[in-house]
Amino acid sequence: MDANVIRQEVETTYEKVKSLAGWTVDKNVVLTITSYYVTSEREFDAESLSRAMDELKSRSGWLSPLRGNLLPMLAAFLDQPGTDINEEVARLFAKQQVLKGMGFRNTIHSYLAALLLTDDPDLYENEARQAKKLFDAMKRQHFFLTSDDDYAYAVLLGKRGEDATAHAKAMRVYYDALRAEGFRAGNELQWLAQVMTYIHIEFDEKLVSRAAEVLTQFKQSAKVRPVHYPMIGFLTVFGVDDQEVSKIIELTLTLESAKPFKSNREMALSIGIGYIMHMLTENAEEATISLATSVELIVQAQQAIMAATIAAMAASTSTNSSNS
């Protein structure tokens, strides 16, 4: 791993994505799209991404949650080498309709969750039903924290086929244990607690201790925010060791000096984690790679959505202040 080469790739790709996305797209969303291409070691193709964006627009109404800041991000996730973008977009909408029919609301999170459903149409309904059972059980454990931003995790984890009630209770036990270790309460901690059940739902105190260790290591050198909690969770359940954590920190510090991160240092850590996680799956079995791809997608998308939400809130506050 040459951190300086990766930094150059990020800077070059960022400018290309920024040029295509336009000034209305939040900077953190542009960085997320950049991260998606760089960490997967794919060459950015503006023409291909533009076609994907146009196809999404053509199938979504003016009030669709796909419109706006996050359209380029969803387009990037669908824009895979060797695929027919028309078929990919049609599949996305078909999956989202199944989720909607199960009771999931029509939000950007339902489209993200749809990306995580298996591509086999015969499995859509069963996976959506499992996800809804788990989501409802999660809401019984954490009524006020559980909302549409948990849809993707419900789909991803619902595929395990565990008893929904037992699974959700395990998440709550992890939430309380992690909070006692110094993690900040809130949505991000709930996502971390959910991630901790990714391999096994049985509570493991060692995983809690390891997550706290990784958090401490990152805090010593990088800008850590609650948005990184789910990423720390995946590093923990995948058993990433201290040597790999050190590589993440090395890459993060190199990226922080790049222009796109001057006011977004926390995004440098996100890309550092994403890049190392991708490297670790390169020689894995096909099934593991499929899971890891889902992990990369959910982590990056969740971060972009949060960034876009914060940007929208800030803009609204600024407008209200000006009107006052």
C-alpha atoms as a PDB file:
ATOM      1  CA  MET A   1       0.000   0.000   0.000  1.00  0.00           C
ATOM      2  CA  ASP A   2       1.450   3.355  -1.076  1.00  0.00           C
ATOM      3  CA  ALA A   3      -0.458   6.013   0.852  1.00  0.00           C
ATOM      4  CA  ASN A   4       0.769   8.855  -1.373  1.00  0.00           C
ATOM      5  CA  VAL A   5      -0.418   7.102  -4.533  1.00  0.00           C
ATOM      6  CA  ILE A   6      -3.838   6.569  -2.965  1.00  0.00           C
ATOM      7  CA  ARG A   7      -3.924  10.228  -1.969  1.00  0.00           C
ATOM      8  CA  GLN A   8      -3.241  11.265  -5.574  1.00  0.00           C
ATOM      9  CA  GLU A   9      -5.995   8.950  -6.823  1.00  0.00           C
ATOM     10  CA  VAL A  10      -8.449  10.468  -4.348  1.00  0.00           C
ATOM     11  CA  GLU A  11      -7.555  14.036  -5.349  1.00  0.00           C
ATOM     12  CA  THR A  12      -7.856  13.268  -9.078  1.00  0.00           C
ATOM     13  CA  THR A  13     -11.105  11.300  -8.771  1.00  0.00           C
ATOM     14  CA  TYR A  14     -12.616  13.898  -6.439  1.00  0.00           C
ATOM     15  CA  GLU A  15     -12.232  16.640  -9.025  1.00  0.00           C
ATOM     16  CA  LYS A  16     -13.821  14.458 -11.727  1.00  0.00           C
ATOM     17  CA  VAL A  17     -16.787  13.534  -9.524  1.00  0.00           C
ATOM     18  CA  LYS A  18     -17.208  17.125  -8.363  1.00  0.00           C
ATOM     19  CA  SER A  19     -17.271  18.329 -11.969  1.00  0.00           C
ATOM     20  CA  LEU A  20     -19.981  15.836 -12.921  1.00  0.00           C
ATOM     21  CA  ALA A  21     -22.102  16.116  -9.771  1.00  0.00           C
ATOM     22  CA  GLY A  22     -22.220  19.911  -9.796  1.00  0.00           C
ATOM     23  CA  TRP A  23     -22.138  22.508  -7.049  1.00  0.00           C
ATOM     24  CA  THR A  24     -25.525  21.518  -5.574  1.00  0.00           C
ATOM     25  CA  VAL A  25     -24.236  18.136  -4.347  1.00  0.00           C
ATOM     26  CA  ASP A  26     -22.836  18.184  -0.814  1.00  0.00           C
ATOM     27  CA  LYS A  27     -19.050  17.944  -0.574  1.00  0.00           C
ATOM     28  CA  ASN A  28     -19.206  14.904   1.704  1.00  0.00           C
ATOM     29  CA  VAL A  29     -21.410  13.083  -0.789  1.00  0.00           C
ATOM     30  CA  VAL A  30     -18.820  13.828  -3.499  1.00  0.00           C
ATOM     31  CA  LEU A  31     -16.135  12.460  -1.194  1.00  0.00           C
ATOM     32  CA  THR A  32     -18.208   9.353  -0.549  1.00  0.00           C
ATOM     33  CA  ILE A  33     -18.589   8.686  -4.277  1.00  0.00           C
ATOM     34  CA  THR A  34     -14.850   9.301  -4.677  1.00  0.00           C
ATOM     35  CA  SER A  35     -14.173   6.821  -1.888  1.00  0.00           C
ATOM     36  CA  TYR A  36     -16.409   4.233  -3.546  1.00  0.00           C
ATOM     37  CA  TYR A  37     -14.387   4.321  -6.770  1.00  0.00           C
ATOM     38  CA  VAL A  38     -10.947   4.550  -5.165  1.00  0.00           C
ATOM     39  CA  THR A  39     -11.430   1.859  -2.512  1.00  0.00           C
ATOM     40  CA  SER A  40     -12.810  -0.566  -5.098  1.00  0.00           C
ATOM     41  CA  GLU A  41      -9.860   0.325  -7.358  1.00  0.00           C
ATOM     42  CA  ARG A  42     -12.116   1.289 -10.263  1.00  0.00           C
ATOM     43  CA  GLU A  43     -11.435   3.956 -12.850  1.00  0.00           C
ATOM     44  CA  PHE A  44     -14.031   6.722 -12.673  1.00  0.00           C
ATOM     45  CA  ASP A  45     -16.054   6.893 -15.906  1.00  0.00           C
ATOM     46  CA  ALA A  46     -18.026  10.149 -16.063  1.00  0.00           C
ATOM     47  CA  GLU A  47     -20.022   9.075 -19.118  1.00  0.00           C
ATOM     48  CA  SER A  48     -21.076   5.793 -17.521  1.00  0.00           C
ATOM     49  CA  LEU A  49     -22.082   7.442 -14.230  1.00  0.00           C
ATOM     50  CA  SER A  50     -23.970  10.133 -16.128  1.00  0.00           C
ATOM     51  CA  ARG A  51     -26.000   7.441 -17.948  1.00  0.00           C
ATOM     52  CA  ALA A  52     -26.842   5.829 -14.621  1.00  0.00           C
ATOM     53  CA  MET A  53     -27.976   9.169 -13.198  1.00  0.00           C
ATOM     54  CA  ASP A  54     -30.147   9.859 -16.239  1.00  0.00           C
ATOM     55  CA  GLU A  55     -31.793   6.440 -16.011  1.00  0.00           C
ATOM     56  CA  LEU A  56     -32.617   6.948 -12.332  1.00  0.00           C
ATOM     57  CA  LYS A  57     -34.066  10.372 -13.095  1.00  0.00           C
ATOM     58  CA  SER A  58     -36.208   9.025 -15.927  1.00  0.00           C
ATOM     59  CA  ARG A  59     -37.838   6.469 -13.608  1.00  0.00           C
ATOM     60  CA  SER A  60     -38.358   8.697 -10.564  1.00  0.00           C
ATOM     61  CA  GLY A  61     -40.872  11.478 -10.087  1.00  0.00           C
ATOM     62  CA  TRP A  62     -40.043  15.018  -9.021  1.00  0.00           C
ATOM     63  CA  LEU A  63     -40.887  14.253  -5.394  1.00  0.00           C
ATOM     64  CA  SER A  64     -38.965  10.975  -5.308  1.00  0.00           C
ATOM     65  CA  PRO A  65     -36.408  10.585  -2.477  1.00  0.00           C
ATOM     66  CA  LEU A  66     -33.902   9.638  -5.190  1.00  0.00           C
ATOM     67  CA  ARG A  67     -33.821  13.213  -6.453  1.00  0.00           C
ATOM     68  CA  GLY A  68     -31.282  15.717  -5.199  1.00  0.00           C
ATOM     69  CA  ASN A  69     -28.019  15.330  -3.326  1.00  0.00           C
ATOM     70  CA  LEU A  70     -27.966  11.553  -3.193  1.00  0.00           C
ATOM     71  CA  LEU A  71     -28.832  10.720  -6.808  1.00  0.00           C
ATOM     72  CA  PRO A  72     -25.154  10.525  -7.922  1.00  0.00           C
ATOM     73  CA  MET A  73     -24.370   8.225  -4.991  1.00  0.00           C
ATOM     74  CA  LEU A  74     -27.126   5.716  -5.845  1.00  0.00           C
ATOM     75  CA  ALA A  75     -26.069   5.926  -9.496  1.00  0.00           C
ATOM     76  CA  ALA A  76     -22.473   5.093  -8.538  1.00  0.00           C
ATOM     77  CA  PHE A  77     -23.596   2.018  -6.609  1.00  0.00           C
ATOM     78  CA  LEU A  78     -25.554   0.778  -9.636  1.00  0.00           C
ATOM     79  CA  ASP A  79     -22.843   1.663 -12.163  1.00  0.00           C
ATOM     80  CA  GLN A  80     -20.946  -1.631 -12.085  1.00  0.00           C
ATOM     81  CA  PRO A  81     -18.579  -2.858 -14.831  1.00  0.00           C
ATOM     82  CA  GLY A  82     -20.229  -5.113 -17.399  1.00  0.00           C
ATOM     83  CA  THR A  83     -23.809  -4.452 -16.310  1.00  0.00           C
ATOM     84  CA  ASP A  84     -26.812  -3.090 -18.181  1.00  0.00           C
ATOM     85  CA  ILE A  85     -27.741   0.079 -16.293  1.00  0.00           C
ATOM     86  CA  ASN A  86     -31.357  -0.100 -17.491  1.00  0.00           C
ATOM     87  CA  GLU A  87     -31.698  -3.563 -15.966  1.00  0.00           C
ATOM     88  CA  GLU A  88     -29.950  -2.485 -12.750  1.00  0.00           C
ATOM     89  CA  VAL A  89     -32.258   0.488 -12.250  1.00  0.00           C
ATOM     90  CA  ALA A  90     -35.355  -1.591 -13.032  1.00  0.00           C
ATOM     91  CA  ARG A  91     -34.207  -4.175 -10.488  1.00  0.00           C
ATOM     92  CA  LEU A  92     -33.674  -1.486  -7.848  1.00  0.00           C
ATOM     93  CA  PHE A  93     -37.203  -0.158  -8.276  1.00  0.00           C
ATOM     94  CA  ALA A  94     -38.671  -3.679  -8.226  1.00  0.00           C
ATOM     95  CA  LYS A  95     -36.890  -4.457  -4.958  1.00  0.00           C
ATOM     96  CA  GLN A  96     -37.936  -1.172  -3.391  1.00  0.00           C
ATOM     97  CA  GLN A  97     -41.563  -1.847  -4.275  1.00  0.00           C
ATOM     98  CA  VAL A  98     -41.387  -5.200  -2.487  1.00  0.00           C
ATOM     99  CA  LEU A  99     -39.978  -3.512   0.621  1.00  0.00           C
ATOM    100  CA  LYS A 100     -42.660  -0.840   0.400  1.00  0.00           C
ATOM    101  CA  GLY A 101     -45.303  -3.554   0.192  1.00  0.00           C
ATOM    102  CA  MET A 102     -43.947  -5.020   3.428  1.00  0.00           C
ATOM    103  CA  GLY A 103     -44.455  -1.743   5.244  1.00  0.00           C
ATOM    104  CA  PHE A 104     -41.143   0.060   4.746  1.00  0.00           C
ATOM    105  CA  ARG A 105     -41.618   3.761   4.086  1.00  0.00           C
ATOM    106  CA  ASN A 106     -40.768   5.376   0.736  1.00  0.00           C
ATOM    107  CA  THR A 107     -37.512   7.105   1.708  1.00  0.00           C
ATOM    108  CA  ILE A 108     -33.925   7.149   0.487  1.00  0.00           C
ATOM    109  CA  HIS A 109     -33.223   4.463   3.091  1.00  0.00           C
ATOM    110  CA  SER A 110     -35.673   2.044   1.479  1.00  0.00           C
ATOM    111  CA  TYR A 111     -33.756   2.374  -1.800  1.00  0.00           C
ATOM    112  CA  LEU A 112     -30.475   1.751  -0.002  1.00  0.00           C
ATOM    113  CA  ALA A 113     -32.022  -1.285   1.667  1.00  0.00           C
ATOM    114  CA  ALA A 114     -33.258  -2.461  -1.740  1.00  0.00           C
ATOM    115  CA  LEU A 115     -29.664  -2.498  -3.013  1.00  0.00           C
ATOM    116  CA  LEU A 116     -28.875  -5.068  -0.332  1.00  0.00           C
ATOM    117  CA  LEU A 117     -31.594  -7.543  -1.304  1.00  0.00           C
ATOM    118  CA  THR A 118     -30.394 -10.586  -3.250  1.00  0.00           C
ATOM    119  CA  ASP A 119     -30.691 -10.192  -7.037  1.00  0.00           C
ATOM    120  CA  ASP A 120     -32.874 -13.316  -7.357  1.00  0.00           C
ATOM    121  CA  PRO A 121     -36.513 -12.104  -7.723  1.00  0.00           C
ATOM    122  CA  ASP A 122     -37.749 -15.341  -6.111  1.00  0.00           C
ATOM    123  CA  LEU A 123     -36.046 -14.287  -2.870  1.00  0.00           C
ATOM    124  CA  TYR A 124     -37.188 -10.654  -2.705  1.00  0.00           C
ATOM    125  CA  GLU A 125     -40.348 -11.250  -0.719  1.00  0.00           C
ATOM    126  CA  ASN A 126     -38.818 -13.647   1.803  1.00  0.00           C
ATOM    127  CA  GLU A 127     -35.833 -11.387   2.490  1.00  0.00           C
ATOM    128  CA  ALA A 128     -38.085  -8.341   2.777  1.00  0.00           C
ATOM    129  CA  ARG A 129     -40.333 -10.195   5.234  1.00  0.00           C
ATOM    130  CA  GLN A 130     -37.342 -11.246   7.361  1.00  0.00           C
ATOM    131  CA  ALA A 131     -36.086  -7.657   7.337  1.00  0.00           C
ATOM    132  CA  LYS A 132     -39.463  -6.288   8.447  1.00  0.00           C
ATOM    133  CA  LYS A 133     -39.683  -8.783  11.312  1.00  0.00           C
ATOM    134  CA  LEU A 134     -36.224  -7.785  12.500  1.00  0.00           C
ATOM    135  CA  PHE A 135     -36.945  -4.077  12.087  1.00  0.00           C
ATOM    136  CA  ASP A 136     -40.138  -4.344  14.142  1.00  0.00           C
ATOM    137  CA  ALA A 137     -38.278  -6.285  16.841  1.00  0.00           C
ATOM    138  CA  MET A 138     -35.531  -3.635  16.869  1.00  0.00           C
ATOM    139  CA  LYS A 139     -38.148  -0.929  17.312  1.00  0.00           C
ATOM    140  CA  ARG A 140     -39.583  -2.724  20.342  1.00  0.00           C
ATOM    141  CA  GLN A 141     -36.117  -2.635  21.923  1.00  0.00           C
ATOM    142  CA  HIS A 142     -35.347   0.997  20.991  1.00  0.00           C
ATOM    143  CA  PHE A 143     -38.569   2.725  20.007  1.00  0.00           C
ATOM    144  CA  PHE A 144     -37.258   6.278  19.647  1.00  0.00           C
ATOM    145  CA  LEU A 145     -33.907   5.433  18.002  1.00  0.00           C
ATOM    146  CA  THR A 146     -35.210   2.953  15.437  1.00  0.00           C
ATOM    147  CA  SER A 147     -36.408   4.575  12.210  1.00  0.00           C
ATOM    148  CA  ASP A 148     -35.998   4.379   8.447  1.00  0.00           C
ATOM    149  CA  ASP A 149     -32.224   4.865   8.740  1.00  0.00           C
ATOM    150  CA  ASP A 150     -32.133   1.313  10.151  1.00  0.00           C
ATOM    151  CA  TYR A 151     -33.765  -0.259   7.069  1.00  0.00           C
ATOM    152  CA  ALA A 152     -30.499  -1.243   5.416  1.00  0.00           C
ATOM    153  CA  TYR A 153     -29.174  -2.930   8.539  1.00  0.00           C
ATOM    154  CA  ALA A 154     -32.478  -4.772   8.943  1.00  0.00           C
ATOM    155  CA  VAL A 155     -32.132  -6.177   5.409  1.00  0.00           C
ATOM    156  CA  LEU A 156     -28.439  -6.996   5.770  1.00  0.00           C
ATOM    157  CA  LEU A 157     -28.824  -8.710   9.148  1.00  0.00           C
ATOM    158  CA  GLY A 158     -32.250 -10.194   8.484  1.00  0.00           C
ATOM    159  CA  LYS A 159     -30.642 -12.446   5.875  1.00  0.00           C
ATOM    160  CA  ARG A 160     -29.059 -14.396   8.745  1.00  0.00           C
ATOM    161  CA  GLY A 161     -32.458 -15.917   9.427  1.00  0.00           C
ATOM    162  CA  GLU A 162     -32.150 -15.685  13.208  1.00  0.00           C
ATOM    163  CA  ASP A 163     -35.161 -15.338  15.504  1.00  0.00           C
ATOM    164  CA  ALA A 164     -35.990 -11.641  15.163  1.00  0.00           C
ATOM    165  CA  THR A 165     -36.797 -11.100  18.851  1.00  0.00           C
ATOM    166  CA  ALA A 166     -33.592 -12.780  20.079  1.00  0.00           C
ATOM    167  CA  HIS A 167     -31.548 -10.912  17.478  1.00  0.00           C
ATOM    168  CA  ALA A 168     -32.933  -7.514  18.478  1.00  0.00           C
ATOM    169  CA  LYS A 169     -32.421  -8.255  22.179  1.00  0.00           C
ATOM    170  CA  ALA A 170     -28.761  -9.063  21.449  1.00  0.00           C
ATOM    171  CA  MET A 171     -28.416  -5.678  19.749  1.00  0.00           C
ATOM    172  CA  ARG A 172     -29.797  -3.953  22.836  1.00  0.00           C
ATOM    173  CA  VAL A 173     -27.360  -5.798  25.121  1.00  0.00           C
ATOM    174  CA  TYR A 174     -24.476  -4.681  22.905  1.00  0.00           C
ATOM    175  CA  TYR A 175     -25.796  -1.107  22.871  1.00  0.00           C
ATOM    176  CA  ASP A 176     -25.794  -0.889  26.668  1.00  0.00           C
ATOM    177  CA  ALA A 177     -22.382  -2.567  27.004  1.00  0.00           C
ATOM    178  CA  LEU A 178     -20.776  -0.297  24.386  1.00  0.00           C
ATOM    179  CA  ARG A 179     -22.253   2.806  25.987  1.00  0.00           C
ATOM    180  CA  ALA A 180     -20.652   1.744  29.283  1.00  0.00           C
ATOM    181  CA  GLU A 181     -17.304   1.602  27.422  1.00  0.00           C
ATOM    182  CA  GLY A 182     -17.525   5.270  26.449  1.00  0.00           C
ATOM    183  CA  PHE A 183     -19.307   5.208  23.079  1.00  0.00           C
ATOM    184  CA  ARG A 184     -21.747   8.105  22.712  1.00  0.00           C
ATOM    185  CA  ALA A 185     -25.462   7.231  22.846  1.00  0.00           C
ATOM    186  CA  GLY A 186     -27.493   7.776  19.687  1.00  0.00           C
ATOM    187  CA  ASN A 187     -28.279   6.398  16.235  1.00  0.00           C
ATOM    188  CA  GLU A 188     -24.635   5.702  15.416  1.00  0.00           C
ATOM    189  CA  LEU A 189     -24.200   3.600  18.556  1.00  0.00           C
ATOM    190  CA  GLN A 190     -27.326   1.663  17.635  1.00  0.00           C
ATOM    191  CA  TRP A 191     -25.807   0.938  14.206  1.00  0.00           C
ATOM    192  CA  LEU A 192     -22.615  -0.230  15.911  1.00  0.00           C
ATOM    193  CA  ALA A 193     -24.635  -2.514  18.189  1.00  0.00           C
ATOM    194  CA  GLN A 194     -26.398  -3.950  15.150  1.00  0.00           C
ATOM    195  CA  VAL A 195     -23.076  -4.565  13.377  1.00  0.00           C
ATOM    196  CA  MET A 196     -21.774  -6.469  16.405  1.00  0.00           C
ATOM    197  CA  THR A 197     -24.347  -9.199  15.638  1.00  0.00           C
ATOM    198  CA  TYR A 198     -23.191  -9.534  12.021  1.00  0.00           C
ATOM    199  CA  ILE A 199     -21.325 -12.844  12.517  1.00  0.00           C
ATOM    200  CA  HIS A 200     -22.976 -14.238  15.676  1.00  0.00           C
ATOM    201  CA  ILE A 201     -25.897 -12.850  17.621  1.00  0.00           C
ATOM    202  CA  GLU A 202     -24.705 -14.279  20.953  1.00  0.00           C
ATOM    203  CA  PHE A 203     -23.241 -11.521  23.146  1.00  0.00           C
ATOM    204  CA  ASP A 204     -19.437 -11.560  23.350  1.00  0.00           C
ATOM    205  CA  GLU A 205     -17.777  -9.270  25.882  1.00  0.00           C
ATOM    206  CA  LYS A 206     -14.468  -9.623  24.015  1.00  0.00           C
ATOM    207  CA  LEU A 207     -15.973  -7.888  20.978  1.00  0.00           C
ATOM    208  CA  VAL A 208     -17.043  -4.961  23.157  1.00  0.00           C
ATOM    209  CA  SER A 209     -13.538  -4.634  24.594  1.00  0.00           C
ATOM    210  CA  ARG A 210     -11.959  -4.856  21.147  1.00  0.00           C
ATOM    211  CA  ALA A 211     -14.267  -2.184  19.726  1.00  0.00           C
ATOM    212  CA  ALA A 212     -13.259   0.113  22.592  1.00  0.00           C
ATOM    213  CA  GLU A 213      -9.567  -0.599  21.878  1.00  0.00           C
ATOM    214  CA  VAL A 214      -9.951   0.271  18.183  1.00  0.00           C
ATOM    215  CA  LEU A 215     -11.792   3.480  19.080  1.00  0.00           C
ATOM    216  CA  THR A 216      -8.961   4.469  21.433  1.00  0.00           C
ATOM    217  CA  GLN A 217      -6.307   3.721  18.787  1.00  0.00           C
ATOM    218  CA  PHE A 218      -8.064   5.913  16.245  1.00  0.00           C
ATOM    219  CA  LYS A 219      -8.620   8.752  18.713  1.00  0.00           C
ATOM    220  CA  GLN A 220      -4.896   8.965  19.400  1.00  0.00           C
ATOM    221  CA  SER A 221      -4.119   9.964  15.813  1.00  0.00           C
ATOM    222  CA  ALA A 222      -7.245  10.746  13.785  1.00  0.00           C
ATOM    223  CA  LYS A 223     -10.474  12.724  13.923  1.00  0.00           C
ATOM    224  CA  VAL A 224     -13.081  10.223  15.080  1.00  0.00           C
ATOM    225  CA  ARG A 225     -16.807  10.922  15.017  1.00  0.00           C
ATOM    226  CA  PRO A 226     -19.853   8.785  15.921  1.00  0.00           C
ATOM    227  CA  VAL A 227     -20.404   8.270  12.166  1.00  0.00           C
ATOM    228  CA  HIS A 228     -17.359   5.980  12.299  1.00  0.00           C
ATOM    229  CA  TYR A 229     -18.921   3.677  14.902  1.00  0.00           C
ATOM    230  CA  PRO A 230     -20.393   1.163  12.407  1.00  0.00           C
ATOM    231  CA  MET A 231     -17.028   0.985  10.625  1.00  0.00           C
ATOM    232  CA  ILE A 232     -15.321   0.238  13.929  1.00  0.00           C
ATOM    233  CA  GLY A 233     -17.917  -2.481  14.408  1.00  0.00           C
ATOM    234  CA  PHE A 234     -17.087  -4.172  11.107  1.00  0.00           C
ATOM    235  CA  LEU A 235     -13.356  -3.961  11.827  1.00  0.00           C
ATOM    236  CA  THR A 236     -14.097  -5.648  15.149  1.00  0.00           C
ATOM    237  CA  VAL A 237     -16.282  -8.516  13.947  1.00  0.00           C
ATOM    238  CA  PHE A 238     -13.938  -9.185  11.014  1.00  0.00           C
ATOM    239  CA  GLY A 239     -11.047  -9.533  13.470  1.00  0.00           C
ATOM    240  CA  VAL A 240      -8.842  -6.795  11.993  1.00  0.00           C
ATOM    241  CA  ASP A 241      -5.617  -6.738  13.996  1.00  0.00           C
ATOM    242  CA  ASP A 242      -3.498  -3.868  15.324  1.00  0.00           C
ATOM    243  CA  GLN A 243      -1.161  -3.981  12.318  1.00  0.00           C
ATOM    244  CA  GLU A 244      -4.057  -3.327   9.941  1.00  0.00           C
ATOM    245  CA  VAL A 245      -5.409  -0.602  12.233  1.00  0.00           C
ATOM    246  CA  SER A 246      -1.978   1.043  12.027  1.00  0.00           C
ATOM    247  CA  LYS A 247      -2.178   0.930   8.220  1.00  0.00           C
ATOM    248  CA  ILE A 248      -5.564   2.654   8.387  1.00  0.00           C
ATOM    249  CA  ILE A 249      -4.105   5.384  10.579  1.00  0.00           C
ATOM    250  CA  GLU A 250      -1.107   5.815   8.251  1.00  0.00           C
ATOM    251  CA  LEU A 251      -3.362   6.199   5.221  1.00  0.00           C
ATOM    252  CA  THR A 252      -5.716   8.522   7.110  1.00  0.00           C
ATOM    253  CA  LEU A 253      -2.928  10.885   8.114  1.00  0.00           C
ATOM    254  CA  THR A 254      -1.681  11.012   4.514  1.00  0.00           C
ATOM    255  CA  LEU A 255      -5.177  11.736   3.183  1.00  0.00           C
ATOM    256  CA  GLU A 256      -5.772  14.491   5.729  1.00  0.00           C
ATOM    257  CA  SER A 257      -3.141  16.620   4.011  1.00  0.00           C
ATOM    258  CA  ALA A 258      -4.998  16.417   0.680  1.00  0.00           C
ATOM    259  CA  LYS A 259      -7.093  19.400  -0.408  1.00  0.00           C
ATOM    260  CA  PRO A 260     -10.556  17.732  -0.277  1.00  0.00           C
ATOM    261  CA  PHE A 261     -10.062  16.944   3.414  1.00  0.00           C
ATOM    262  CA  LYS A 262      -8.971  20.361   4.656  1.00  0.00           C
ATOM    263  CA  SER A 263     -12.335  20.872   6.353  1.00  0.00           C
ATOM    264  CA  ASN A 264     -13.466  17.245   6.297  1.00  0.00           C
ATOM    265  CA  ARG A 265     -10.816  15.349   8.237  1.00  0.00           C
ATOM    266  CA  GLU A 266     -13.305  12.765   9.487  1.00  0.00           C
ATOM    267  CA  MET A 267     -13.849  11.644   5.875  1.00  0.00           C
ATOM    268  CA  ALA A 268     -10.163  10.770   5.638  1.00  0.00           C
ATOM    269  CA  LEU A 269     -10.608   8.132   8.342  1.00  0.00           C
ATOM    270  CA  SER A 270     -13.681   6.774   6.562  1.00  0.00           C
ATOM    271  CA  ILE A 271     -11.761   6.311   3.315  1.00  0.00           C
ATOM    272  CA  GLY A 272      -8.793   4.849   5.193  1.00  0.00           C
ATOM    273  CA  ILE A 273     -11.021   2.223   6.795  1.00  0.00           C
ATOM    274  CA  GLY A 274     -12.834   1.501   3.527  1.00  0.00           C
ATOM    275  CA  TYR A 275      -9.608   1.013   1.578  1.00  0.00           C
ATOM    276  CA  ILE A 276      -8.063  -1.402   4.076  1.00  0.00           C
ATOM    277  CA  MET A 277     -11.300  -3.368   4.404  1.00  0.00           C
ATOM    278  CA  HIS A 278     -11.419  -3.763   0.628  1.00  0.00           C
ATOM    279  CA  MET A 279      -7.799  -4.954   0.539  1.00  0.00           C
ATOM    280  CA  LEU A 280      -8.535  -7.593   3.173  1.00  0.00           C
ATOM    281  CA  THR A 281     -11.327  -9.110   1.057  1.00  0.00           C
ATOM    282  CA  GLU A 282      -9.432  -9.309  -2.251  1.00  0.00           C
ATOM    283  CA  ASN A 283      -8.334 -12.912  -1.684  1.00  0.00           C
ATOM    284  CA  ALA A 284     -11.406 -14.012   0.234  1.00  0.00           C
ATOM    285  CA  GLU A 285     -13.952 -16.569  -0.884  1.00  0.00           C
ATOM    286  CA  GLU A 286     -16.668 -15.394  -3.257  1.00  0.00           C
ATOM    287  CA  ALA A 287     -19.384 -15.458  -0.575  1.00  0.00           C
ATOM    288  CA  THR A 288     -17.217 -13.394   1.756  1.00  0.00           C
ATOM    289  CA  ILE A 289     -16.522 -10.859  -0.985  1.00  0.00           C
ATOM    290  CA  SER A 290     -20.264 -10.521  -1.577  1.00  0.00           C
ATOM    291  CA  LEU A 291     -20.804  -9.805   2.101  1.00  0.00           C
ATOM    292  CA  ALA A 292     -17.901  -7.380   2.221  1.00  0.00           C
ATOM    293  CA  THR A 293     -19.281  -5.497  -0.781  1.00  0.00           C
ATOM    294  CA  SER A 294     -22.549  -5.072   1.081  1.00  0.00           C
ATOM    295  CA  VAL A 295     -20.628  -3.812   4.092  1.00  0.00           C
ATOM    296  CA  GLU A 296     -18.714  -1.233   2.032  1.00  0.00           C
ATOM    297  CA  LEU A 297     -21.928  -0.044   0.431  1.00  0.00           C
ATOM    298  CA  ILE A 298     -23.895   0.314   3.649  1.00  0.00           C
ATOM    299  CA  VAL A 299     -21.105   2.119   5.503  1.00  0.00           C
ATOM    300  CA  GLN A 300     -20.408   4.611   2.714  1.00  0.00           C
ATOM    301  CA  ALA A 301     -24.060   5.219   1.892  1.00  0.00           C
ATOM    302  CA  GLN A 302     -25.024   5.741   5.518  1.00  0.00           C
ATOM    303  CA  GLN A 303     -22.266   8.306   5.882  1.00  0.00           C
ATOM    304  CA  ALA A 304     -23.282  10.155   2.705  1.00  0.00           C
ATOM    305  CA  ILE A 305     -26.920  10.261   3.784  1.00  0.00           C
ATOM    306  CA  MET A 306     -25.970  11.678   7.168  1.00  0.00           C
ATOM    307  CA  ALA A 307     -23.729  14.276   5.534  1.00  0.00           C
ATOM    308  CA  ALA A 308     -26.487  15.324   3.151  1.00  0.00           C
ATOM    309  CA  THR A 309     -28.998  15.537   6.008  1.00  0.00           C
ATOM    310  CA  ILE A 310     -26.673  17.698   8.093  1.00  0.00           C
ATOM    311  CA  ALA A 311     -26.006  19.949   5.089  1.00  0.00           C
ATOM    312  CA  ALA A 312     -29.748  20.341   4.466  1.00  0.00           C
ATOM    313  CA  MET A 313     -30.367  21.199   8.132  1.00  0.00           C
ATOM    314  CA  ALA A 314     -27.553  23.750   8.082  1.00  0.00           C
ATOM    315  CA  ALA A 315     -28.936  25.349   4.929  1.00  0.00           C
ATOM    316  CA  SER A 316     -32.410  25.494   6.449  1.00  0.00           C
ATOM    317  CA  THR A 317     -31.077  27.094   9.626  1.00  0.00           C
ATOM    318  CA  SER A 318     -29.145  29.653   7.600  1.00  0.00           C
ATOM    319  CA  THR A 319     -32.231  30.510   5.536  1.00  0.00           C
ATOM    320  CA  ASN A 320     -34.406  30.875   8.620  1.00  0.00           C
ATOM    321  CA  SER A 321     -31.821  33.140  10.254  1.00  0.00           C
ATOM    322  CA  SER A 322     -31.674  35.322   7.150  1.00  0.00           C
ATOM    323  CA  ASN A 323     -35.466  35.600   7.027  1.00  0.00           C
ATOM    324  CA  SER A 324     -35.527  36.558  10.667  1.00  0.00           C
END
